[in-house]
Amino acid sequence: MILVLMSEVLTQYRRHKGLLLLVAPGLAFFLVFNYLPMFGLVLAFKEFRLSAGILGSEWSGLENFSRLFGGADFPNALRNTVTISLLRLLFGFFAPIALALMLNEIRVSWYKRTVQTVTYIPYFLSWVILGGIFLMIFSQSGPANQISQLFGVSPIEFLTNDFWFIVVVIVTGIWQAAGYGAVIYLAALAGISPDLYEAAVVDGAGRWKQTLHITIPGLVPTIITLFILNLGHVLNAGFDQIYNMYNPMVYDAADIIDTYVLRRIVLMDFGLATGAGLFKSVVGLLMVVLANSLARRLSGGEQGIW
């Protein structure tokens, strides 16, 4: 039986050798950077000592999780993370869809390519760069407040007020990612059959009705898939952006799980940091599974990732 199985595996390998070699670098990447590091998750259940190493450190059971949820910092970081993530999901998820729909309506090709390129470029700029730019723009004497003063509005504390800081984080995050996200929806729009639009024109449907009854339904599978995947990052509030823009004045509203983990690592409390990361990953996995199950149930098994 084993020999037959090995023979079948070799046969399949020879038949698809080119494809297997093509995906090998990607598989190696995920193996090295995503799966092998999962061994370190045992630190969440150990009292880690550098001298003993991961394997030699003593098991501590759920003590790290007791300290995690019993402390004052992590519940606050969890609350901030959920708040920022839900705001990103509420406003940021639909921004690429709206941008893609607007770009799809542009008939002048050079103008469409120009707008798409301009909105696409910010995604490739590091938040180290963007953070410095936005800190300058929204400072007390920055361009944003200078413009507001021209209309008689008093200077706004964008970077030191909890509410306004969250507004800046959400808005700048949408601006940075909307163009890149719109590419996926534009690809989905390209897959909609032109015959549907031609039939709609014959029936007397205008652009709005075509969008409502053809374009948006054609995007629904893509929207559901990306929504499910985004729920897996519900506890990722954007570490790069927050870390490069926040300050002690807004810690109460901007301190998230990732910045909390970073502080614990700096203090060499690796068990607590690993426990926080493990909690975040488990919640993300459960959200993806639940959202996928709900999507399949509501669509009669037609929608979902698996």
Protein backbone atom coordinates (compact mmCIF):
# COMPACT_ATOMS: atom_id res chain seq x y z
CA MET A 1 0.00 0.00 0.00
CA ILE A 2 2.81 2.39 0.94
CA LEU A 3 4.69 1.57 -2.27
CA VAL A 4 1.59 2.24 -4.35
CA LEU A 5 1.08 5.57 -2.57
CA MET A 6 4.72 6.59 -3.11
CA SER A 7 4.48 5.63 -6.76
CA GLU A 8 1.37 7.78 -7.16
CA VAL A 9 3.09 10.73 -5.46
CA LEU A 10 6.11 10.43 -7.76
CA THR A 11 3.85 10.21 -10.79
CA GLN A 12 1.99 13.35 -9.76
CA TYR A 13 5.30 15.09 -9.06
CA ARG A 14 6.66 14.32 -12.53
CA ARG A 15 3.41 15.41 -14.11
CA HIS A 16 3.22 18.74 -12.26
CA LYS A 17 6.93 19.34 -11.61
CA GLY A 18 6.92 22.79 -13.22
CA LEU A 19 3.95 24.03 -11.19
CA LEU A 20 5.38 22.66 -7.95
CA LEU A 21 8.70 24.40 -8.55
CA LEU A 22 6.78 27.59 -9.32
CA VAL A 23 5.00 27.62 -5.94
CA ALA A 24 8.02 26.34 -3.97
CA PRO A 25 9.42 29.82 -3.09
CA GLY A 26 6.02 30.94 -1.78
CA LEU A 27 5.61 27.77 0.27
CA ALA A 28 9.13 28.16 1.65
CA PHE A 29 8.35 31.76 2.65
CA PHE A 30 5.23 30.79 4.61
CA LEU A 31 6.99 27.80 6.16
CA VAL A 32 9.94 29.84 7.42
CA PHE A 33 8.17 33.05 8.46
CA ASN A 34 4.66 31.84 9.40
CA TYR A 35 4.71 28.22 10.52
CA LEU A 36 8.11 27.58 12.09
CA PRO A 37 7.80 30.62 14.42
CA MET A 38 4.59 29.10 15.81
CA PHE A 39 6.82 26.89 17.93
CA GLY A 40 7.49 29.97 20.03
CA LEU A 41 3.85 30.08 21.12
CA VAL A 42 4.75 27.73 23.97
CA LEU A 43 6.25 30.81 25.67
CA ALA A 44 2.69 31.83 26.51
CA PHE A 45 2.54 28.85 28.86
CA LYS A 46 6.05 29.09 30.31
CA GLU A 47 7.99 31.22 32.74
CA PHE A 48 10.68 32.08 30.23
CA ARG A 49 14.30 32.48 31.33
CA LEU A 50 17.00 33.41 28.84
CA SER A 51 19.54 31.16 30.52
CA ALA A 52 17.28 28.09 30.16
CA GLY A 53 15.89 28.81 26.71
CA ILE A 54 12.41 27.96 25.43
CA LEU A 55 12.61 24.21 26.07
CA GLY A 56 14.37 24.49 29.42
CA SER A 57 12.05 27.09 30.96
CA GLU A 58 9.46 25.86 33.44
CA TRP A 59 5.80 25.52 32.53
CA SER A 60 3.55 28.10 34.17
CA GLY A 61 0.16 26.98 32.90
CA LEU A 62 -2.26 29.88 32.43
CA GLU A 63 -0.42 32.24 34.76
CA ASN A 64 0.60 34.56 31.91
CA PHE A 65 -3.01 34.86 30.79
CA SER A 66 -4.10 35.59 34.37
CA ARG A 67 -1.60 38.43 34.52
CA LEU A 68 -2.64 39.54 31.04
CA PHE A 69 -6.34 39.96 31.75
CA GLY A 70 -5.87 40.87 35.40
CA GLY A 71 -3.69 43.89 34.69
CA ALA A 72 -4.91 47.38 33.91
CA ASP A 73 -3.02 47.98 30.65
CA PHE A 74 -4.19 45.08 28.47
CA PRO A 75 -7.99 45.56 28.88
CA ASN A 76 -7.53 49.21 27.87
CA ALA A 77 -5.37 48.21 24.89
CA LEU A 78 -7.96 45.59 23.89
CA ARG A 79 -10.78 48.14 24.06
CA ASN A 80 -8.82 50.64 21.97
CA THR A 81 -7.90 47.96 19.44
CA VAL A 82 -11.50 46.84 18.99
CA THR A 83 -12.72 50.44 18.69
CA ILE A 84 -10.14 51.44 16.06
CA SER A 85 -10.53 48.17 14.14
CA LEU A 86 -14.33 48.45 13.99
CA LEU A 87 -14.06 52.07 12.82
CA ARG A 88 -11.60 51.00 10.13
CA LEU A 89 -13.94 48.19 9.09
CA LEU A 90 -17.01 50.43 9.12
CA PHE A 91 -15.55 53.28 7.09
CA GLY A 92 -12.45 51.85 5.44
CA PHE A 93 -13.96 48.67 4.04
CA PHE A 94 -16.41 50.46 1.75
CA ALA A 95 -13.97 53.17 0.58
CA PRO A 96 -12.21 50.92 -2.01
CA ILE A 97 -15.61 49.73 -3.28
CA ALA A 98 -16.81 53.31 -3.79
CA LEU A 99 -13.52 54.27 -5.45
CA ALA A 100 -13.67 51.28 -7.79
CA LEU A 101 -17.27 52.08 -8.77
CA MET A 102 -16.34 55.68 -9.52
CA LEU A 103 -13.28 54.67 -11.55
CA ASN A 104 -15.42 52.17 -13.45
CA GLU A 105 -17.69 55.01 -14.60
CA ILE A 106 -14.84 57.07 -16.06
CA ARG A 107 -14.80 56.76 -19.84
CA VAL A 108 -11.65 58.82 -20.57
CA SER A 109 -8.93 56.16 -20.36
CA TRP A 110 -5.94 58.45 -19.68
CA TYR A 111 -7.81 60.26 -16.90
CA LYS A 112 -8.89 56.96 -15.37
CA ARG A 113 -5.30 55.64 -15.37
CA THR A 114 -4.03 58.88 -13.85
CA VAL A 115 -6.55 58.87 -11.00
CA GLN A 116 -5.92 55.19 -10.34
CA THR A 117 -2.16 55.72 -10.20
CA VAL A 118 -2.43 58.72 -7.88
CA THR A 119 -4.68 56.82 -5.46
CA TYR A 120 -2.55 53.68 -5.71
CA ILE A 121 0.87 55.24 -4.91
CA PRO A 122 0.30 55.98 -1.17
CA TYR A 123 0.07 52.26 -0.41
CA PHE A 124 3.77 51.87 -1.27
CA LEU A 125 4.90 54.65 1.08
CA SER A 126 6.11 53.54 4.49
CA TRP A 127 4.25 54.78 7.55
CA VAL A 128 7.61 56.03 8.79
CA ILE A 129 7.43 58.57 5.96
CA LEU A 130 3.69 59.15 6.06
CA GLY A 131 3.70 59.44 9.84
CA GLY A 132 6.23 62.26 9.72
CA ILE A 133 4.25 64.04 7.01
CA PHE A 134 0.95 63.80 8.87
CA LEU A 135 2.51 64.85 12.17
CA MET A 136 3.67 68.01 10.41
CA ILE A 137 0.34 68.61 8.63
CA PHE A 138 -1.84 68.16 11.72
CA SER A 139 0.42 69.84 14.25
CA GLN A 140 -0.78 72.88 16.19
CA SER A 141 0.85 75.23 13.64
CA GLY A 142 0.56 72.89 10.65
CA PRO A 143 -1.22 73.47 7.33
CA ALA A 144 -4.48 71.89 8.52
CA ASN A 145 -4.86 74.40 11.36
CA GLN A 146 -3.63 77.28 9.20
CA ILE A 147 -6.38 76.57 6.68
CA SER A 148 -9.01 76.24 9.42
CA GLN A 149 -7.99 79.61 10.84
CA LEU A 150 -8.69 81.23 7.45
CA PHE A 151 -12.35 80.29 8.01
CA GLY A 152 -12.35 81.60 11.56
CA VAL A 153 -12.00 78.20 13.24
CA SER A 154 -9.82 77.94 16.33
CA PRO A 155 -6.79 75.61 16.11
CA ILE A 156 -7.74 71.97 16.65
CA GLU A 157 -5.57 69.66 18.73
CA PHE A 158 -5.48 66.85 16.17
CA LEU A 159 -2.56 65.01 17.75
CA THR A 160 -3.19 65.55 21.45
CA ASN A 161 -6.97 65.14 21.68
CA ASP A 162 -8.22 61.53 21.88
CA PHE A 163 -11.20 62.04 19.57
CA TRP A 164 -9.40 64.00 16.89
CA PHE A 165 -6.40 61.69 16.94
CA ILE A 166 -8.63 58.67 16.20
CA VAL A 167 -10.29 60.67 13.40
CA VAL A 168 -6.87 61.43 11.89
CA VAL A 169 -5.83 57.78 12.17
CA ILE A 170 -8.98 56.50 10.43
CA VAL A 171 -8.99 59.12 7.67
CA THR A 172 -5.30 58.84 6.84
CA GLY A 173 -5.52 55.04 6.94
CA ILE A 174 -8.36 55.09 4.40
CA TRP A 175 -6.43 57.50 2.19
CA GLN A 176 -3.37 55.26 2.24
CA ALA A 177 -5.10 51.94 1.49
CA ALA A 178 -8.18 52.76 -0.60
CA GLY A 179 -6.39 52.88 -3.95
CA TYR A 180 -4.72 49.51 -3.45
CA GLY A 181 -7.94 47.90 -2.29
CA ALA A 182 -9.81 49.28 -5.31
CA VAL A 183 -7.57 47.26 -7.65
CA ILE A 184 -9.17 44.00 -6.49
CA TYR A 185 -12.66 45.34 -7.12
CA LEU A 186 -11.67 46.72 -10.51
CA ALA A 187 -10.44 43.24 -11.44
CA ALA A 188 -13.81 41.83 -10.34
CA LEU A 189 -15.62 44.47 -12.40
CA ALA A 190 -13.58 43.49 -15.46
CA GLY A 191 -14.98 39.96 -15.10
CA ILE A 192 -18.61 41.06 -15.46
CA SER A 193 -19.95 40.18 -18.90
CA PRO A 194 -20.55 43.24 -21.17
CA ASP A 195 -23.60 41.42 -22.54
CA LEU A 196 -25.40 42.15 -19.27
CA TYR A 197 -24.89 45.89 -19.71
CA GLU A 198 -25.93 45.74 -23.37
CA ALA A 199 -29.12 43.91 -22.43
CA ALA A 200 -29.79 46.48 -19.70
CA VAL A 201 -29.38 49.35 -22.20
CA VAL A 202 -31.85 47.65 -24.55
CA ASP A 203 -34.31 47.44 -21.65
CA GLY A 204 -33.87 51.16 -21.03
CA ALA A 205 -31.78 50.98 -17.85
CA GLY A 206 -29.62 54.02 -17.10
CA ARG A 207 -26.16 54.05 -15.51
CA TRP A 208 -27.57 54.10 -11.99
CA LYS A 209 -29.82 51.08 -12.54
CA GLN A 210 -27.00 49.23 -14.30
CA THR A 211 -24.78 49.84 -11.28
CA LEU A 212 -27.52 48.84 -8.86
CA HIS A 213 -28.65 45.65 -10.62
CA ILE A 214 -25.51 44.47 -12.45
CA THR A 215 -22.30 46.00 -11.10
CA ILE A 216 -22.93 45.72 -7.37
CA PRO A 217 -24.36 42.15 -7.54
CA GLY A 218 -21.30 41.21 -9.60
CA LEU A 219 -19.08 42.48 -6.78
CA VAL A 220 -20.93 40.67 -3.99
CA PRO A 221 -18.77 37.47 -4.02
CA THR A 222 -15.58 39.55 -3.86
CA ILE A 223 -17.03 41.79 -1.14
CA ILE A 224 -18.00 38.80 1.01
CA THR A 225 -14.62 37.12 0.58
CA LEU A 226 -12.64 40.24 1.49
CA PHE A 227 -14.99 41.03 4.39
CA ILE A 228 -14.39 37.57 5.86
CA LEU A 229 -10.63 37.95 5.46
CA ASN A 230 -10.71 41.41 7.04
CA LEU A 231 -12.52 40.02 10.08
CA GLY A 232 -9.44 37.87 10.66
CA HIS A 233 -7.54 41.12 11.28
CA VAL A 234 -10.17 42.62 13.55
CA LEU A 235 -7.57 42.96 16.33
CA ASN A 236 -4.96 44.48 14.01
CA ALA A 237 -5.53 48.20 14.46
CA GLY A 238 -2.52 49.18 12.33
CA PHE A 239 0.67 49.01 14.38
CA ASP A 240 2.90 50.84 11.86
CA GLN A 241 0.56 53.80 11.66
CA ILE A 242 -0.21 54.05 15.39
CA TYR A 243 3.39 53.60 16.48
CA ASN A 244 4.65 56.35 14.16
CA MET A 245 1.91 58.85 15.02
CA TYR A 246 0.84 58.45 18.64
CA ASN A 247 2.28 60.19 21.69
CA PRO A 248 1.84 60.02 25.51
CA MET A 249 -1.03 62.54 25.35
CA VAL A 250 -3.28 60.03 23.54
CA TYR A 251 -2.14 56.77 25.14
CA ASP A 252 -5.56 56.25 26.73
CA ALA A 253 -7.23 56.11 23.28
CA ALA A 254 -4.41 54.98 20.98
CA ASP A 255 -2.57 52.29 22.94
CA ILE A 256 -3.41 49.02 21.12
CA ILE A 257 -2.49 45.37 21.60
CA ASP A 258 0.54 45.56 19.27
CA THR A 259 2.05 48.54 21.08
CA TYR A 260 1.32 46.80 24.38
CA VAL A 261 3.16 43.70 23.14
CA LEU A 262 6.10 45.83 22.06
CA ARG A 263 6.38 47.34 25.54
CA ARG A 264 6.32 43.90 27.15
CA ILE A 265 9.06 42.71 24.78
CA VAL A 266 11.20 45.74 25.66
CA LEU A 267 10.72 44.81 29.32
CA MET A 268 11.72 41.22 28.38
CA ASP A 269 8.38 39.85 29.58
CA PHE A 270 8.20 37.42 26.67
CA GLY A 271 5.57 35.17 28.21
CA LEU A 272 3.04 37.97 28.58
CA ALA A 273 3.82 39.34 25.10
CA THR A 274 3.39 35.90 23.53
CA GLY A 275 0.12 35.37 25.42
CA ALA A 276 -1.27 38.65 24.06
CA GLY A 277 -0.25 37.73 20.53
CA LEU A 278 -1.77 34.25 20.86
CA PHE A 279 -5.04 35.72 22.15
CA LYS A 280 -5.20 38.07 19.18
CA SER A 281 -4.56 35.25 16.70
CA VAL A 282 -7.18 32.96 18.23
CA VAL A 283 -9.81 35.71 18.13
CA GLY A 284 -8.98 36.41 14.48
CA LEU A 285 -9.29 32.72 13.59
CA LEU A 286 -12.65 32.42 15.35
CA MET A 287 -13.97 35.53 13.59
CA VAL A 288 -13.01 34.13 10.18
CA VAL A 289 -14.62 30.75 10.89
CA LEU A 290 -17.82 32.30 12.23
CA ALA A 291 -18.10 34.83 9.40
CA ASN A 292 -17.52 32.15 6.79
CA SER A 293 -20.16 29.89 8.37
CA LEU A 294 -22.64 32.77 8.50
CA ALA A 295 -21.98 33.72 4.86
CA ARG A 296 -22.52 30.14 3.68
CA ARG A 297 -25.69 29.79 5.73
CA LEU A 298 -27.22 33.04 4.48
CA SER A 299 -26.31 32.33 0.85
CA GLY A 300 -27.37 28.69 0.84
CA GLY A 301 -23.77 27.49 0.57
CA GLU A 302 -22.93 29.62 -2.49
CA GLN A 303 -20.69 32.20 -0.79
CA GLY A 304 -17.72 31.82 1.53
CA ILE A 305 -14.01 31.06 1.44
CA TRP A 306 -14.43 27.32 1.95
